[in-house]
Amino acid sequence: MAELDDTIRDNAQGPAKASGDTGSVEQHKLPDQIAADRYLASKDAAKSKSRGLVLNKFVPPGTT
């Protein structure tokens, strides 16, 4: 996950387009990179065994 964070950070600091004698290169748009990062983070969170919210039913003693 750290690699993706570093890649997004590097891409944000670099130029959006670059061209030279051998051709040109264009990176994905920053909002698309952020959306991809959020998607991958949500997939990792869904795989986790510890869920963020656990619902339990409370039944006081003496009631049925």
N, C-alpha and C. Protein backbone atom coordinates (compact mmCIF):
# COMPACT_ATOMS: atom_id res chain seq x y z
N MET A 1 0.82 -1.19 0.00
CA MET A 1 0.00 0.00 0.00
C MET A 1 0.86 1.25 0.00
N ALA A 2 2.00 1.17 0.65
CA ALA A 2 2.89 2.33 0.70
C ALA A 2 3.42 2.67 -0.69
N GLU A 3 3.58 1.66 -1.54
CA GLU A 3 4.07 1.92 -2.89
C GLU A 3 3.08 2.78 -3.66
N LEU A 4 1.77 2.49 -3.52
CA LEU A 4 0.76 3.26 -4.22
C LEU A 4 0.73 4.69 -3.70
N ASP A 5 0.86 4.87 -2.39
CA ASP A 5 0.91 6.22 -1.82
C ASP A 5 2.09 7.00 -2.39
N ASP A 6 3.25 6.33 -2.46
CA ASP A 6 4.44 6.99 -3.01
C ASP A 6 4.26 7.33 -4.47
N THR A 7 3.64 6.42 -5.22
CA THR A 7 3.42 6.65 -6.65
C THR A 7 2.50 7.84 -6.87
N ILE A 8 1.42 7.91 -6.10
CA ILE A 8 0.49 9.04 -6.23
C ILE A 8 1.20 10.34 -5.87
N ARG A 9 1.99 10.32 -4.81
CA ARG A 9 2.72 11.52 -4.40
C ARG A 9 3.71 11.96 -5.48
N ASP A 10 4.44 11.00 -6.06
CA ASP A 10 5.40 11.33 -7.12
C ASP A 10 4.70 11.86 -8.36
N ASN A 11 3.58 11.24 -8.72
CA ASN A 11 2.84 11.69 -9.90
C ASN A 11 2.28 13.09 -9.71
N ALA A 12 1.85 13.40 -8.50
CA ALA A 12 1.30 14.73 -8.22
C ALA A 12 2.38 15.81 -8.32
N GLN A 13 3.62 15.46 -7.99
CA GLN A 13 4.70 16.43 -8.05
C GLN A 13 5.27 16.58 -9.45
N GLY A 14 5.11 15.58 -10.29
CA GLY A 14 5.66 15.60 -11.64
C GLY A 14 4.71 16.25 -12.63
N PRO A 15 5.17 16.40 -13.88
CA PRO A 15 4.32 17.00 -14.91
C PRO A 15 3.23 16.02 -15.36
N ALA A 16 2.11 16.56 -15.83
CA ALA A 16 1.02 15.71 -16.31
C ALA A 16 1.36 15.09 -17.65
N LYS A 17 2.09 15.83 -18.49
CA LYS A 17 2.50 15.34 -19.79
C LYS A 17 3.98 15.61 -19.99
N ALA A 18 4.62 14.72 -20.70
CA ALA A 18 6.03 14.92 -21.04
C ALA A 18 6.23 14.42 -22.46
N SER A 19 7.01 15.16 -23.24
CA SER A 19 7.30 14.72 -24.60
C SER A 19 8.77 14.95 -24.90
N GLY A 20 9.27 14.11 -25.74
CA GLY A 20 10.68 14.20 -26.12
C GLY A 20 10.87 13.65 -27.52
N ASP A 21 12.12 13.34 -27.86
CA ASP A 21 12.43 12.83 -29.19
C ASP A 21 11.84 11.44 -29.41
N THR A 22 11.72 10.67 -28.35
CA THR A 22 11.25 9.30 -28.51
C THR A 22 9.73 9.17 -28.43
N GLY A 23 9.03 10.20 -28.03
CA GLY A 23 7.57 10.16 -27.93
C GLY A 23 7.08 10.97 -26.77
N SER A 24 5.83 10.74 -26.42
CA SER A 24 5.25 11.50 -25.30
C SER A 24 4.59 10.54 -24.31
N VAL A 25 4.48 11.01 -23.08
CA VAL A 25 3.92 10.22 -22.00
C VAL A 25 2.90 11.09 -21.27
N GLU A 26 1.76 10.48 -20.93
CA GLU A 26 0.75 11.19 -20.15
C GLU A 26 0.32 10.29 -18.99
N GLN A 27 0.25 10.87 -17.80
CA GLN A 27 -0.13 10.10 -16.61
C GLN A 27 -1.64 10.13 -16.44
N HIS A 28 -2.13 9.20 -15.61
CA HIS A 28 -3.54 9.21 -15.25
C HIS A 28 -3.83 10.48 -14.46
N LYS A 29 -5.05 10.97 -14.57
CA LYS A 29 -5.44 12.16 -13.84
C LYS A 29 -5.41 11.88 -12.33
N LEU A 30 -5.10 12.91 -11.54
CA LEU A 30 -5.00 12.77 -10.09
C LEU A 30 -6.30 12.27 -9.45
N PRO A 31 -7.48 12.78 -9.85
CA PRO A 31 -8.71 12.23 -9.25
C PRO A 31 -8.88 10.74 -9.52
N ASP A 32 -8.45 10.27 -10.68
CA ASP A 32 -8.52 8.84 -10.98
C ASP A 32 -7.57 8.05 -10.09
N GLN A 33 -6.40 8.59 -9.81
CA GLN A 33 -5.44 7.92 -8.94
C GLN A 33 -5.97 7.87 -7.51
N ILE A 34 -6.60 8.94 -7.06
CA ILE A 34 -7.17 8.97 -5.71
C ILE A 34 -8.31 7.97 -5.61
N ALA A 35 -9.15 7.89 -6.64
CA ALA A 35 -10.25 6.93 -6.64
C ALA A 35 -9.71 5.49 -6.59
N ALA A 36 -8.64 5.23 -7.32
CA ALA A 36 -8.04 3.89 -7.30
C ALA A 36 -7.49 3.58 -5.92
N ASP A 37 -6.87 4.56 -5.27
CA ASP A 37 -6.33 4.37 -3.92
C ASP A 37 -7.46 4.07 -2.93
N ARG A 38 -8.56 4.80 -3.03
CA ARG A 38 -9.70 4.56 -2.14
C ARG A 38 -10.30 3.18 -2.38
N TYR A 39 -10.39 2.79 -3.64
CA TYR A 39 -10.94 1.47 -3.96
C TYR A 39 -10.08 0.36 -3.37
N LEU A 40 -8.77 0.46 -3.55
CA LEU A 40 -7.88 -0.57 -3.01
C LEU A 40 -7.89 -0.58 -1.49
N ALA A 41 -8.00 0.59 -0.86
CA ALA A 41 -8.07 0.65 0.60
C ALA A 41 -9.35 0.02 1.11
N SER A 42 -10.46 0.22 0.38
CA SER A 42 -11.72 -0.38 0.82
C SER A 42 -11.68 -1.89 0.65
N LYS A 43 -11.00 -2.39 -0.38
CA LYS A 43 -10.86 -3.83 -0.55
C LYS A 43 -10.04 -4.43 0.59
N ASP A 44 -8.97 -3.75 0.99
CA ASP A 44 -8.16 -4.23 2.11
C ASP A 44 -8.96 -4.21 3.41
N ALA A 45 -9.77 -3.18 3.60
CA ALA A 45 -10.58 -3.09 4.82
C ALA A 45 -11.63 -4.19 4.85
N ALA A 46 -12.19 -4.54 3.70
CA ALA A 46 -13.21 -5.58 3.65
C ALA A 46 -12.61 -6.95 3.94
N LYS A 47 -11.35 -7.16 3.60
CA LYS A 47 -10.67 -8.43 3.85
C LYS A 47 -10.35 -8.61 5.33
N SER A 48 -10.24 -7.52 6.05
CA SER A 48 -9.84 -7.56 7.45
C SER A 48 -10.85 -8.33 8.28
N LYS A 49 -10.36 -9.13 9.22
CA LYS A 49 -11.24 -9.92 10.08
C LYS A 49 -11.90 -9.07 11.14
N SER A 50 -11.27 -8.01 11.55
CA SER A 50 -11.86 -7.13 12.56
C SER A 50 -12.66 -6.04 11.85
N ARG A 51 -13.95 -6.14 11.95
CA ARG A 51 -14.83 -5.16 11.31
C ARG A 51 -14.87 -3.89 12.16
N GLY A 52 -15.20 -2.79 11.57
CA GLY A 52 -15.24 -1.52 12.28
C GLY A 52 -16.41 -1.38 13.22
N LEU A 53 -17.50 -2.09 12.95
CA LEU A 53 -18.70 -1.94 13.76
C LEU A 53 -19.28 -3.32 14.01
N VAL A 54 -19.54 -3.63 15.26
CA VAL A 54 -20.13 -4.91 15.63
C VAL A 54 -21.41 -4.62 16.40
N LEU A 55 -22.51 -5.23 15.95
CA LEU A 55 -23.79 -5.04 16.62
C LEU A 55 -24.10 -6.28 17.45
N ASN A 56 -24.45 -6.07 18.69
CA ASN A 56 -24.83 -7.15 19.59
C ASN A 56 -26.19 -6.83 20.17
N LYS A 57 -26.98 -7.87 20.42
CA LYS A 57 -28.28 -7.70 21.03
C LYS A 57 -28.13 -7.89 22.53
N PHE A 58 -28.56 -6.91 23.29
CA PHE A 58 -28.47 -6.96 24.74
C PHE A 58 -29.79 -7.46 25.31
N VAL A 59 -29.73 -8.55 26.07
CA VAL A 59 -30.92 -9.11 26.71
C VAL A 59 -30.66 -9.07 28.21
N PRO A 60 -31.40 -8.25 28.95
CA PRO A 60 -31.19 -8.18 30.39
C PRO A 60 -31.62 -9.47 31.07
N PRO A 61 -30.97 -9.83 32.17
CA PRO A 61 -31.34 -11.06 32.86
C PRO A 61 -32.77 -10.99 33.41
N GLY A 62 -33.45 -12.13 33.40
CA GLY A 62 -34.81 -12.20 33.94
C GLY A 62 -35.88 -11.98 32.88
N THR A 63 -35.50 -11.66 31.65
CA THR A 63 -36.50 -11.50 30.58
C THR A 63 -36.32 -12.63 29.59
N THR A 64 -37.40 -12.99 28.95
CA THR A 64 -37.32 -14.05 27.94
C THR A 64 -37.88 -13.63 26.64
